[in-house]
Amino acid sequence: METPRPKTIGEIMEDDTLIGEAMKKAAREARLLYKRAGVAMPVWRDGRTVWIEPEDIETPDDEA
């Protein structure tokens, strides 16, 4: 039985599912990191940077 070859960078970049999942995971981890550290998190809203206080950061436990 032949071992499947790993995807090339080009193949990964063409697969928007992989990119989307990686972005969701990174965003989720960033929210957790900021909330656990107890510091405000910068986000981009309406064309400007807004700071979200740690108690207002939604984390996976908060999401239904």
Protein backbone atom coordinates (compact mmCIF):
# COMPACT_ATOMS: atom_id res chain seq x y z
CA MET A 1 0.00 0.00 0.00
CA GLU A 2 1.36 3.39 -1.00
CA THR A 3 1.71 6.16 1.59
CA PRO A 4 -0.16 9.32 0.55
CA ARG A 5 2.15 12.24 -0.17
CA PRO A 6 1.79 15.42 1.89
CA LYS A 7 0.00 18.35 0.27
CA THR A 8 2.17 21.01 -1.30
CA ILE A 9 1.92 24.64 -0.15
CA GLY A 10 0.12 25.44 -3.40
CA GLU A 11 -2.48 22.73 -2.77
CA ILE A 12 -3.02 23.93 0.78
CA MET A 13 -3.44 27.54 -0.35
CA GLU A 14 -6.00 26.48 -2.97
CA ASP A 15 -8.08 24.68 -0.33
CA ASP A 16 -10.08 27.45 1.34
CA THR A 17 -11.47 24.95 3.86
CA LEU A 18 -8.01 24.37 5.34
CA ILE A 19 -7.24 28.09 5.39
CA GLY A 20 -10.60 28.93 6.99
CA GLU A 21 -10.20 26.30 9.70
CA ALA A 22 -6.67 27.48 10.48
CA MET A 23 -7.89 31.09 10.77
CA LYS A 24 -10.78 30.07 13.08
CA LYS A 25 -8.41 28.08 15.29
CA ALA A 26 -5.92 30.96 15.50
CA ALA A 27 -8.66 33.47 16.37
CA ARG A 28 -10.10 31.18 19.05
CA GLU A 29 -6.65 30.66 20.59
CA ALA A 30 -5.94 34.40 20.54
CA ARG A 31 -9.22 35.18 22.36
CA LEU A 32 -8.40 32.59 25.02
CA LEU A 33 -4.87 33.95 25.44
CA TYR A 34 -6.01 37.56 25.92
CA LYS A 35 -8.84 36.62 28.28
CA ARG A 36 -6.62 34.35 30.43
CA ALA A 37 -3.93 37.05 30.57
CA GLY A 38 -6.54 39.57 31.69
CA VAL A 39 -5.61 42.19 29.10
CA ALA A 40 -7.68 44.05 26.52
CA MET A 41 -7.67 42.63 23.00
CA PRO A 42 -7.47 44.87 19.92
CA VAL A 43 -9.97 44.16 17.14
CA TRP A 44 -10.75 45.91 13.86
CA ARG A 45 -14.30 47.30 13.69
CA ASP A 46 -15.80 49.83 11.34
CA GLY A 47 -12.42 50.85 9.95
CA ARG A 48 -10.67 51.42 13.25
CA THR A 49 -9.03 49.59 16.15
CA VAL A 50 -11.26 48.95 19.16
CA TRP A 51 -10.08 47.46 22.47
CA ILE A 52 -12.23 44.72 24.01
CA GLU A 53 -11.91 44.33 27.79
CA PRO A 54 -11.04 40.80 28.99
CA GLU A 55 -14.44 40.25 30.61
CA ASP A 56 -16.14 41.07 27.28
CA ILE A 57 -14.05 38.68 25.16
CA GLU A 58 -16.16 35.76 23.96
CA THR A 59 -14.40 32.41 24.29
CA PRO A 60 -15.37 28.92 23.08
CA ASP A 61 -16.98 28.23 26.49
CA ASP A 62 -19.19 31.30 25.95
CA GLU A 63 -20.23 30.24 22.45
CA ALA A 64 -23.27 27.99 22.11
